[in-house]
Amino acid sequence: MRGWIRGRLNFRLADGGEIGRVRTMSKDPEEEVLWQGSPSAAQDFWINLSCLLILPIPWALWRWIQRRSHRIEITTQRVRETKGIFTKRTEELELYRVRDISFVQPFILGLFGRGNLQLNTGDATTPIVLLPCIPSDQSLRDQLRRAVESCRDRKRTRVAEFGGDLDIEGGSTGG
């Protein structure tokens, strides 16, 4: 853990209310956390309801443990998603690779103010990144869009369309 910057960020709403405290662990002092959290329990609404009626409680407990071990962190430079109970797997997506941002809000998730954020990327290994059950906050999506544009400017990359396909070209990133 040596060399990591540790700190706490307070996110405040426009009316002065506090959203919560977020712990950051980033190697880059310029990287700022835009949002960090876990998918909501609303994702498993029907599963939890069926557990009360039909299925055993241990299965609902297992789903709860899975959800608690799923962490999503959106920063000004990348998206990190960590999953796993016994074996942790962390996927990172550099924001300059994001081509399009979509937000889908199914009815049940809408009741809880949540939705699924889909990032269409230029990454060959993960062309679509789905971030489930995150807050349906328009300002978060706007911040993410601005961060994507900022990363593209910083890396000197651009997205070009050729015959309906997108192509990401990078410029020189050296000094």
N, C-alpha and C. Protein backbone atom coordinates (compact mmCIF):
# COMPACT_ATOMS: atom_id res chain seq x y z
N MET A 1 0.81 -1.19 0.00
CA MET A 1 0.00 0.00 0.00
C MET A 1 0.86 1.26 0.00
N ARG A 2 2.17 1.10 0.09
CA ARG A 2 3.04 2.25 0.11
C ARG A 2 2.95 2.99 -1.22
N GLY A 3 2.88 4.31 -1.17
CA GLY A 3 2.83 5.10 -2.38
C GLY A 3 1.41 5.44 -2.82
N TRP A 4 0.42 4.89 -2.16
CA TRP A 4 -0.98 5.19 -2.52
C TRP A 4 -1.43 6.43 -1.77
N ILE A 5 -2.24 7.20 -2.42
CA ILE A 5 -2.79 8.39 -1.79
C ILE A 5 -4.12 7.98 -1.17
N ARG A 6 -4.26 8.22 0.09
CA ARG A 6 -5.50 7.88 0.76
C ARG A 6 -6.18 9.17 1.19
N GLY A 7 -7.46 9.18 1.07
CA GLY A 7 -8.20 10.36 1.48
C GLY A 7 -9.68 10.10 1.49
N ARG A 8 -10.40 11.08 1.86
CA ARG A 8 -11.85 10.98 1.87
C ARG A 8 -12.41 12.15 1.08
N LEU A 9 -13.43 11.86 0.30
CA LEU A 9 -14.11 12.90 -0.46
C LEU A 9 -15.54 12.99 0.04
N ASN A 10 -16.03 14.17 0.20
CA ASN A 10 -17.44 14.36 0.52
C ASN A 10 -18.12 14.86 -0.73
N PHE A 11 -19.15 14.18 -1.15
CA PHE A 11 -19.93 14.64 -2.29
C PHE A 11 -21.12 15.41 -1.74
N ARG A 12 -21.32 16.59 -2.22
CA ARG A 12 -22.42 17.41 -1.74
C ARG A 12 -23.37 17.71 -2.89
N LEU A 13 -24.64 17.71 -2.56
CA LEU A 13 -25.66 18.04 -3.54
C LEU A 13 -25.73 19.55 -3.71
N ALA A 14 -26.43 20.01 -4.75
CA ALA A 14 -26.53 21.44 -5.03
C ALA A 14 -27.19 22.17 -3.86
N ASP A 15 -28.13 21.51 -3.16
CA ASP A 15 -28.82 22.16 -2.05
C ASP A 15 -28.03 22.08 -0.75
N GLY A 16 -26.81 21.52 -0.81
CA GLY A 16 -25.96 21.47 0.37
C GLY A 16 -26.00 20.14 1.10
N GLY A 17 -26.89 19.24 0.74
CA GLY A 17 -26.98 17.93 1.38
C GLY A 17 -25.78 17.07 1.00
N GLU A 18 -25.43 16.16 1.87
CA GLU A 18 -24.27 15.31 1.63
C GLU A 18 -24.71 13.95 1.10
N ILE A 19 -24.09 13.50 0.02
CA ILE A 19 -24.39 12.17 -0.53
C ILE A 19 -23.68 11.11 0.29
N GLY A 20 -22.44 11.32 0.62
CA GLY A 20 -21.73 10.32 1.41
C GLY A 20 -20.23 10.52 1.32
N ARG A 21 -19.54 9.75 2.10
CA ARG A 21 -18.09 9.81 2.10
C ARG A 21 -17.57 8.67 1.26
N VAL A 22 -16.54 8.97 0.46
CA VAL A 22 -15.95 7.97 -0.42
C VAL A 22 -14.47 7.91 -0.14
N ARG A 23 -13.95 6.74 0.03
CA ARG A 23 -12.53 6.54 0.25
C ARG A 23 -11.86 6.33 -1.10
N THR A 24 -10.81 7.06 -1.37
CA THR A 24 -10.11 6.91 -2.64
C THR A 24 -8.77 6.25 -2.40
N MET A 25 -8.38 5.42 -3.35
CA MET A 25 -7.06 4.79 -3.32
C MET A 25 -6.53 4.87 -4.74
N SER A 26 -5.89 5.95 -5.08
CA SER A 26 -5.43 6.17 -6.44
C SER A 26 -3.96 6.53 -6.42
N LYS A 27 -3.25 6.08 -7.45
CA LYS A 27 -1.83 6.41 -7.57
C LYS A 27 -1.64 7.77 -8.21
N ASP A 28 -2.64 8.27 -8.91
CA ASP A 28 -2.54 9.51 -9.65
C ASP A 28 -3.23 10.63 -8.86
N PRO A 29 -2.49 11.67 -8.44
CA PRO A 29 -3.11 12.74 -7.65
C PRO A 29 -4.12 13.55 -8.46
N GLU A 30 -4.08 13.50 -9.80
CA GLU A 30 -5.03 14.25 -10.61
C GLU A 30 -6.34 13.49 -10.81
N GLU A 31 -6.36 12.21 -10.47
CA GLU A 31 -7.54 11.39 -10.69
C GLU A 31 -8.54 11.62 -9.56
N GLU A 32 -9.75 11.95 -9.90
CA GLU A 32 -10.79 12.26 -8.95
C GLU A 32 -11.93 11.25 -9.11
N VAL A 33 -12.44 10.75 -8.01
CA VAL A 33 -13.53 9.78 -8.06
C VAL A 33 -14.83 10.52 -8.35
N LEU A 34 -15.54 10.09 -9.41
CA LEU A 34 -16.82 10.67 -9.74
C LEU A 34 -17.95 9.94 -9.03
N TRP A 35 -17.84 8.61 -8.93
CA TRP A 35 -18.83 7.81 -8.22
C TRP A 35 -18.21 6.49 -7.85
N GLN A 36 -18.60 5.95 -6.71
CA GLN A 36 -18.10 4.66 -6.26
C GLN A 36 -19.21 3.99 -5.47
N GLY A 37 -19.43 2.72 -5.68
CA GLY A 37 -20.46 2.02 -4.93
C GLY A 37 -20.68 0.62 -5.43
N SER A 38 -21.74 0.01 -4.94
CA SER A 38 -22.13 -1.34 -5.31
C SER A 38 -23.50 -1.29 -5.96
N PRO A 39 -23.81 -2.30 -6.78
CA PRO A 39 -25.17 -2.36 -7.34
C PRO A 39 -26.21 -2.45 -6.22
N SER A 40 -27.37 -1.91 -6.48
CA SER A 40 -28.44 -1.87 -5.49
C SER A 40 -29.12 -3.23 -5.34
N ALA A 41 -29.75 -3.43 -4.20
CA ALA A 41 -30.54 -4.65 -3.96
C ALA A 41 -31.77 -4.68 -4.85
N ALA A 42 -32.13 -3.54 -5.44
CA ALA A 42 -33.28 -3.50 -6.35
C ALA A 42 -33.06 -4.41 -7.55
N GLN A 43 -31.80 -4.67 -7.87
CA GLN A 43 -31.46 -5.54 -8.99
C GLN A 43 -32.05 -6.93 -8.77
N ASP A 44 -32.13 -7.36 -7.54
CA ASP A 44 -32.62 -8.70 -7.20
C ASP A 44 -34.01 -8.66 -6.58
N PHE A 45 -34.82 -7.68 -6.94
CA PHE A 45 -36.14 -7.53 -6.33
C PHE A 45 -36.97 -8.80 -6.44
N TRP A 46 -37.10 -9.34 -7.65
CA TRP A 46 -37.93 -10.53 -7.84
C TRP A 46 -37.31 -11.75 -7.18
N ILE A 47 -35.99 -11.85 -7.20
CA ILE A 47 -35.31 -12.98 -6.56
C ILE A 47 -35.55 -12.92 -5.05
N ASN A 48 -35.40 -11.73 -4.46
CA ASN A 48 -35.62 -11.60 -3.02
C ASN A 48 -37.07 -11.88 -2.65
N LEU A 49 -38.00 -11.43 -3.48
CA LEU A 49 -39.41 -11.70 -3.22
C LEU A 49 -39.70 -13.19 -3.29
N SER A 50 -39.12 -13.87 -4.30
CA SER A 50 -39.35 -15.31 -4.41
C SER A 50 -38.69 -16.06 -3.26
N CYS A 51 -37.59 -15.54 -2.72
CA CYS A 51 -36.95 -16.18 -1.57
C CYS A 51 -37.87 -16.15 -0.35
N LEU A 52 -38.60 -15.08 -0.21
CA LEU A 52 -39.54 -15.00 0.90
C LEU A 52 -40.69 -15.99 0.73
N LEU A 53 -41.04 -16.26 -0.50
CA LEU A 53 -42.20 -17.11 -0.75
C LEU A 53 -41.84 -18.57 -1.01
N ILE A 54 -40.78 -18.84 -1.76
CA ILE A 54 -40.52 -20.19 -2.22
C ILE A 54 -39.13 -20.69 -1.86
N LEU A 55 -38.12 -19.94 -2.25
CA LEU A 55 -36.74 -20.41 -2.19
C LEU A 55 -36.15 -20.27 -0.79
N PRO A 56 -35.12 -21.04 -0.50
CA PRO A 56 -34.50 -20.97 0.83
C PRO A 56 -33.72 -19.67 1.03
N ILE A 57 -33.62 -19.27 2.25
CA ILE A 57 -32.94 -18.04 2.62
C ILE A 57 -31.43 -18.09 2.31
N PRO A 58 -30.75 -19.24 2.40
CA PRO A 58 -29.32 -19.23 2.08
C PRO A 58 -29.00 -18.72 0.68
N TRP A 59 -29.87 -18.97 -0.28
CA TRP A 59 -29.64 -18.48 -1.63
C TRP A 59 -29.70 -16.96 -1.67
N ALA A 60 -30.68 -16.39 -0.96
CA ALA A 60 -30.78 -14.93 -0.88
C ALA A 60 -29.55 -14.35 -0.18
N LEU A 61 -29.04 -15.05 0.84
CA LEU A 61 -27.84 -14.61 1.53
C LEU A 61 -26.63 -14.65 0.59
N TRP A 62 -26.52 -15.69 -0.24
CA TRP A 62 -25.43 -15.80 -1.21
C TRP A 62 -25.47 -14.65 -2.20
N ARG A 63 -26.67 -14.31 -2.70
CA ARG A 63 -26.81 -13.19 -3.64
C ARG A 63 -26.42 -11.87 -2.96
N TRP A 64 -26.73 -11.72 -1.68
CA TRP A 64 -26.38 -10.52 -0.93
C TRP A 64 -24.85 -10.41 -0.83
N ILE A 65 -24.19 -11.55 -0.54
CA ILE A 65 -22.73 -11.56 -0.44
C ILE A 65 -22.11 -11.22 -1.80
N GLN A 66 -22.68 -11.78 -2.88
CA GLN A 66 -22.17 -11.47 -4.22
C GLN A 66 -22.30 -9.97 -4.51
N ARG A 67 -23.43 -9.39 -4.18
CA ARG A 67 -23.67 -7.97 -4.45
C ARG A 67 -22.73 -7.10 -3.62
N ARG A 68 -22.48 -7.48 -2.37
CA ARG A 68 -21.58 -6.70 -1.52
C ARG A 68 -20.13 -6.77 -1.98
N SER A 69 -19.76 -7.86 -2.66
CA SER A 69 -18.38 -7.99 -3.13
C SER A 69 -18.18 -7.44 -4.54
N HIS A 70 -19.22 -6.85 -5.12
CA HIS A 70 -19.15 -6.23 -6.45
C HIS A 70 -18.99 -4.73 -6.25
N ARG A 71 -17.83 -4.19 -6.60
CA ARG A 71 -17.54 -2.77 -6.42
C ARG A 71 -17.33 -2.12 -7.79
N ILE A 72 -17.90 -0.95 -7.96
CA ILE A 72 -17.75 -0.16 -9.19
C ILE A 72 -17.19 1.20 -8.79
N GLU A 73 -16.15 1.63 -9.49
CA GLU A 73 -15.57 2.95 -9.23
C GLU A 73 -15.40 3.66 -10.57
N ILE A 74 -16.02 4.82 -10.69
CA ILE A 74 -15.90 5.64 -11.89
C ILE A 74 -15.07 6.85 -11.51
N THR A 75 -13.90 7.00 -12.14
CA THR A 75 -13.04 8.14 -11.86
C THR A 75 -12.98 9.03 -13.10
N THR A 76 -12.18 10.06 -13.02
CA THR A 76 -12.03 10.97 -14.16
C THR A 76 -11.18 10.38 -15.26
N GLN A 77 -10.54 9.20 -15.02
CA GLN A 77 -9.68 8.59 -16.03
C GLN A 77 -10.06 7.18 -16.42
N ARG A 78 -10.81 6.47 -15.55
CA ARG A 78 -11.13 5.07 -15.86
C ARG A 78 -12.35 4.60 -15.07
N VAL A 79 -12.83 3.43 -15.48
CA VAL A 79 -13.89 2.74 -14.75
C VAL A 79 -13.29 1.44 -14.25
N ARG A 80 -13.39 1.21 -12.93
CA ARG A 80 -12.90 -0.03 -12.33
C ARG A 80 -14.10 -0.81 -11.80
N GLU A 81 -14.12 -2.10 -12.12
CA GLU A 81 -15.19 -2.97 -11.64
C GLU A 81 -14.53 -4.20 -11.03
N THR A 82 -14.76 -4.42 -9.75
CA THR A 82 -14.18 -5.55 -9.03
C THR A 82 -15.30 -6.48 -8.61
N LYS A 83 -15.15 -7.76 -8.95
CA LYS A 83 -16.14 -8.78 -8.61
C LYS A 83 -15.44 -9.96 -7.98
N GLY A 84 -16.20 -10.73 -7.24
CA GLY A 84 -15.68 -11.99 -6.72
C GLY A 84 -15.75 -12.09 -5.22
N ILE A 85 -16.04 -13.29 -4.76
CA ILE A 85 -16.10 -13.53 -3.32
C ILE A 85 -14.80 -14.16 -2.86
N PHE A 86 -14.43 -15.28 -3.45
CA PHE A 86 -13.20 -15.96 -3.08
C PHE A 86 -12.02 -15.53 -3.95
N THR A 87 -12.28 -15.27 -5.21
CA THR A 87 -11.26 -14.80 -6.14
C THR A 87 -11.73 -13.46 -6.70
N LYS A 88 -10.99 -12.42 -6.43
CA LYS A 88 -11.35 -11.08 -6.90
C LYS A 88 -10.83 -10.89 -8.32
N ARG A 89 -11.66 -10.29 -9.18
CA ARG A 89 -11.27 -9.96 -10.54
C ARG A 89 -11.58 -8.48 -10.76
N THR A 90 -10.59 -7.72 -11.19
CA THR A 90 -10.76 -6.29 -11.43
C THR A 90 -10.60 -6.01 -12.91
N GLU A 91 -11.60 -5.39 -13.49
CA GLU A 91 -11.57 -4.96 -14.89
C GLU A 91 -11.45 -3.44 -14.89
N GLU A 92 -10.58 -2.92 -15.73
CA GLU A 92 -10.42 -1.48 -15.86
C GLU A 92 -10.65 -1.08 -17.29
N LEU A 93 -11.32 0.03 -17.47
CA LEU A 93 -11.58 0.58 -18.80
C LEU A 93 -11.13 2.03 -18.79
N GLU A 94 -10.19 2.35 -19.65
CA GLU A 94 -9.75 3.74 -19.79
C GLU A 94 -10.87 4.52 -20.47
N LEU A 95 -11.18 5.70 -19.95
CA LEU A 95 -12.34 6.45 -20.45
C LEU A 95 -12.19 6.91 -21.89
N TYR A 96 -10.95 7.10 -22.37
CA TYR A 96 -10.81 7.56 -23.75
C TYR A 96 -11.29 6.51 -24.75
N ARG A 97 -11.48 5.25 -24.31
CA ARG A 97 -11.98 4.19 -25.18
C ARG A 97 -13.50 4.17 -25.29
N VAL A 98 -14.19 4.93 -24.45
CA VAL A 98 -15.66 4.93 -24.46
C VAL A 98 -16.16 5.66 -25.70
N ARG A 99 -17.01 4.99 -26.47
CA ARG A 99 -17.58 5.59 -27.68
C ARG A 99 -18.95 6.18 -27.42
N ASP A 100 -19.76 5.47 -26.63
CA ASP A 100 -21.14 5.90 -26.42
C ASP A 100 -21.58 5.48 -25.02
N ILE A 101 -22.45 6.28 -24.42
CA ILE A 101 -22.98 6.00 -23.09
C ILE A 101 -24.50 5.87 -23.21
N SER A 102 -25.04 4.75 -22.73
CA SER A 102 -26.49 4.54 -22.73
C SER A 102 -26.94 4.26 -21.31
N PHE A 103 -28.14 4.70 -20.98
CA PHE A 103 -28.71 4.44 -19.66
C PHE A 103 -30.07 3.79 -19.85
N VAL A 104 -30.23 2.60 -19.29
CA VAL A 104 -31.49 1.86 -19.38
C VAL A 104 -32.05 1.73 -17.98
N GLN A 105 -33.33 2.10 -17.84
CA GLN A 105 -33.96 2.05 -16.52
C GLN A 105 -35.20 1.17 -16.58
N PRO A 106 -35.05 -0.14 -16.25
CA PRO A 106 -36.23 -1.00 -16.19
C PRO A 106 -37.20 -0.50 -15.11
N PHE A 107 -38.45 -0.91 -15.22
CA PHE A 107 -39.50 -0.41 -14.33
C PHE A 107 -39.15 -0.59 -12.86
N ILE A 108 -38.77 -1.79 -12.47
CA ILE A 108 -38.48 -2.06 -11.05
C ILE A 108 -37.32 -1.21 -10.56
N LEU A 109 -36.25 -1.10 -11.34
CA LEU A 109 -35.11 -0.28 -10.93
C LEU A 109 -35.50 1.19 -10.86
N GLY A 110 -36.39 1.62 -11.74
CA GLY A 110 -36.86 3.00 -11.72
C GLY A 110 -37.56 3.35 -10.43
N LEU A 111 -38.27 2.38 -9.84
CA LEU A 111 -38.94 2.61 -8.56
C LEU A 111 -37.95 2.92 -7.45
N PHE A 112 -36.73 2.41 -7.59
CA PHE A 112 -35.70 2.62 -6.59
C PHE A 112 -34.70 3.71 -7.01
N GLY A 113 -34.96 4.39 -8.13
CA GLY A 113 -34.07 5.45 -8.60
C GLY A 113 -32.75 4.92 -9.13
N ARG A 114 -32.78 3.74 -9.71
CA ARG A 114 -31.58 3.09 -10.23
C ARG A 114 -31.77 2.72 -11.69
N GLY A 115 -30.68 2.35 -12.34
CA GLY A 115 -30.72 1.90 -13.72
C GLY A 115 -29.39 1.29 -14.10
N ASN A 116 -29.29 0.81 -15.34
CA ASN A 116 -28.09 0.17 -15.84
C ASN A 116 -27.39 1.12 -16.82
N LEU A 117 -26.12 1.38 -16.59
CA LEU A 117 -25.32 2.24 -17.45
C LEU A 117 -24.53 1.35 -18.39
N GLN A 118 -24.71 1.55 -19.69
CA GLN A 118 -24.00 0.74 -20.69
C GLN A 118 -23.00 1.61 -21.41
N LEU A 119 -21.74 1.17 -21.40
CA LEU A 119 -20.67 1.89 -22.08
C LEU A 119 -20.26 1.08 -23.30
N ASN A 120 -20.47 1.62 -24.49
CA ASN A 120 -20.00 1.00 -25.72
C ASN A 120 -18.59 1.52 -25.95
N THR A 121 -17.64 0.59 -26.10
CA THR A 121 -16.23 0.97 -26.11
C THR A 121 -15.53 0.54 -27.40
N GLY A 122 -14.34 1.03 -27.57
CA GLY A 122 -13.49 0.63 -28.67
C GLY A 122 -12.51 -0.46 -28.25
N ASP A 123 -12.72 -1.03 -27.07
CA ASP A 123 -11.85 -2.08 -26.56
C ASP A 123 -12.24 -3.42 -27.18
N ALA A 124 -11.27 -4.13 -27.75
CA ALA A 124 -11.55 -5.39 -28.44
C ALA A 124 -12.00 -6.48 -27.47
N THR A 125 -11.47 -6.48 -26.24
CA THR A 125 -11.82 -7.55 -25.29
C THR A 125 -13.19 -7.33 -24.65
N THR A 126 -13.57 -6.09 -24.42
CA THR A 126 -14.87 -5.79 -23.83
C THR A 126 -15.53 -4.65 -24.59
N PRO A 127 -16.22 -4.96 -25.70
CA PRO A 127 -16.84 -3.90 -26.48
C PRO A 127 -18.03 -3.24 -25.77
N ILE A 128 -18.65 -3.95 -24.83
CA ILE A 128 -19.77 -3.39 -24.07
C ILE A 128 -19.50 -3.64 -22.59
N VAL A 129 -19.53 -2.57 -21.80
CA VAL A 129 -19.37 -2.67 -20.36
C VAL A 129 -20.70 -2.25 -19.74
N LEU A 130 -21.29 -3.15 -18.95
CA LEU A 130 -22.57 -2.88 -18.31
C LEU A 130 -22.34 -2.67 -16.82
N LEU A 131 -22.73 -1.50 -16.33
CA LEU A 131 -22.63 -1.19 -14.91
C LEU A 131 -24.05 -1.25 -14.34
N PRO A 132 -24.36 -2.32 -13.60
CA PRO A 132 -25.74 -2.54 -13.17
C PRO A 132 -26.12 -1.74 -11.93
N CYS A 133 -27.38 -1.32 -11.91
CA CYS A 133 -28.00 -0.74 -10.71
C CYS A 133 -27.26 0.44 -10.11
N ILE A 134 -26.87 1.39 -10.93
CA ILE A 134 -26.24 2.58 -10.39
C ILE A 134 -27.30 3.67 -10.30
N PRO A 135 -27.06 4.72 -9.53
CA PRO A 135 -28.06 5.78 -9.38
C PRO A 135 -28.42 6.42 -10.72
N SER A 136 -29.68 6.72 -10.91
CA SER A 136 -30.13 7.32 -12.17
C SER A 136 -29.99 8.84 -12.09
N ASP A 137 -28.78 9.29 -11.87
CA ASP A 137 -28.47 10.70 -11.70
C ASP A 137 -27.93 11.25 -13.01
N GLN A 138 -28.63 12.21 -13.60
CA GLN A 138 -28.20 12.80 -14.87
C GLN A 138 -26.86 13.51 -14.72
N SER A 139 -26.61 14.10 -13.56
CA SER A 139 -25.34 14.82 -13.38
C SER A 139 -24.16 13.85 -13.40
N LEU A 140 -24.33 12.61 -12.92
CA LEU A 140 -23.27 11.62 -13.00
C LEU A 140 -22.95 11.30 -14.45
N ARG A 141 -23.99 11.12 -15.28
CA ARG A 141 -23.76 10.82 -16.70
C ARG A 141 -23.11 12.00 -17.40
N ASP A 142 -23.49 13.22 -17.04
CA ASP A 142 -22.86 14.40 -17.62
C ASP A 142 -21.39 14.51 -17.22
N GLN A 143 -21.10 14.22 -15.95
CA GLN A 143 -19.70 14.25 -15.48
C GLN A 143 -18.89 13.18 -16.21
N LEU A 144 -19.48 12.01 -16.41
CA LEU A 144 -18.79 10.93 -17.11
C LEU A 144 -18.51 11.32 -18.56
N ARG A 145 -19.48 11.94 -19.22
CA ARG A 145 -19.29 12.37 -20.60
C ARG A 145 -18.17 13.42 -20.70
N ARG A 146 -18.16 14.37 -19.77
CA ARG A 146 -17.09 15.38 -19.76
C ARG A 146 -15.73 14.75 -19.48
N ALA A 147 -15.70 13.76 -18.60
CA ALA A 147 -14.44 13.07 -18.29
C ALA A 147 -13.93 12.30 -19.50
N VAL A 148 -14.84 11.68 -20.27
CA VAL A 148 -14.45 10.97 -21.50
C VAL A 148 -13.83 11.95 -22.48
N GLU A 149 -14.47 13.08 -22.69
CA GLU A 149 -13.94 14.09 -23.61
C GLU A 149 -12.59 14.61 -23.13
N SER A 150 -12.45 14.83 -21.84
CA SER A 150 -11.19 15.32 -21.28
C SER A 150 -10.07 14.29 -21.48
N CYS A 151 -10.38 13.01 -21.27
CA CYS A 151 -9.37 11.96 -21.48
C CYS A 151 -8.95 11.88 -22.94
N ARG A 152 -9.92 12.01 -23.83
CA ARG A 152 -9.58 11.99 -25.26
C ARG A 152 -8.67 13.16 -25.62
N ASP A 153 -8.98 14.34 -25.08
CA ASP A 153 -8.14 15.51 -25.35
C ASP A 153 -6.74 15.31 -24.78
N ARG A 154 -6.65 14.79 -23.58
CA ARG A 154 -5.37 14.59 -22.92
C ARG A 154 -4.52 13.55 -23.65
N LYS A 155 -5.15 12.48 -24.15
CA LYS A 155 -4.43 11.42 -24.87
C LYS A 155 -4.28 11.73 -26.36
N ARG A 156 -4.89 12.81 -26.80
CA ARG A 156 -4.88 13.22 -28.20
C ARG A 156 -5.45 12.13 -29.10
N THR A 157 -6.60 11.61 -28.71
CA THR A 157 -7.28 10.60 -29.52
C THR A 157 -8.56 11.20 -30.05
N ARG A 158 -9.07 10.59 -31.10
CA ARG A 158 -10.34 11.02 -31.66
C ARG A 158 -11.09 9.80 -32.16
N VAL A 159 -12.39 9.93 -32.23
CA VAL A 159 -13.24 8.85 -32.72
C VAL A 159 -13.72 9.25 -34.10
N ALA A 160 -13.49 8.38 -35.08
CA ALA A 160 -13.92 8.66 -36.45
C ALA A 160 -14.83 7.54 -36.93
N GLU A 161 -15.86 7.90 -37.70
CA GLU A 161 -16.77 6.91 -38.27
C GLU A 161 -16.40 6.67 -39.72
N PHE A 162 -16.28 5.41 -40.08
CA PHE A 162 -16.02 5.03 -41.46
C PHE A 162 -17.05 4.01 -41.86
N GLY A 163 -18.00 4.38 -42.70
CA GLY A 163 -19.00 3.43 -43.20
C GLY A 163 -19.84 2.81 -42.10
N GLY A 164 -20.17 3.56 -41.05
CA GLY A 164 -20.98 3.04 -39.98
C GLY A 164 -20.18 2.43 -38.85
N ASP A 165 -18.88 2.13 -39.07
CA ASP A 165 -18.04 1.59 -38.01
C ASP A 165 -17.24 2.72 -37.40
N LEU A 166 -16.98 2.61 -36.12
CA LEU A 166 -16.19 3.61 -35.43
C LEU A 166 -14.75 3.15 -35.34
N ASP A 167 -13.84 4.11 -35.40
CA ASP A 167 -12.43 3.80 -35.29
C ASP A 167 -11.81 4.83 -34.36
N ILE A 168 -11.02 4.37 -33.43
CA ILE A 168 -10.35 5.28 -32.52
C ILE A 168 -8.90 5.38 -32.93
N GLU A 169 -8.47 6.61 -33.22
CA GLU A 169 -7.08 6.83 -33.61
C GLU A 169 -6.42 7.64 -32.51
N GLY A 170 -5.21 7.25 -32.19
CA GLY A 170 -4.47 7.97 -31.16
C GLY A 170 -3.35 8.76 -31.75
N GLY A 171 -3.10 9.88 -31.12
CA GLY A 171 -1.97 10.71 -31.53
C GLY A 171 -0.77 10.34 -30.68
N SER A 172 0.23 11.11 -30.78
CA SER A 172 1.45 10.91 -30.00
C SER A 172 1.15 11.24 -28.54
N THR A 173 1.46 10.32 -27.64
CA THR A 173 1.25 10.60 -26.22
C THR A 173 2.57 10.92 -25.53
N GLY A 174 3.64 10.90 -26.27
CA GLY A 174 4.95 11.21 -25.69
C GLY A 174 5.12 12.69 -25.48
N GLY A 175 6.08 13.06 -24.59
CA GLY A 175 6.39 14.38 -24.15
C GLY A 175 6.40 15.44 -25.11
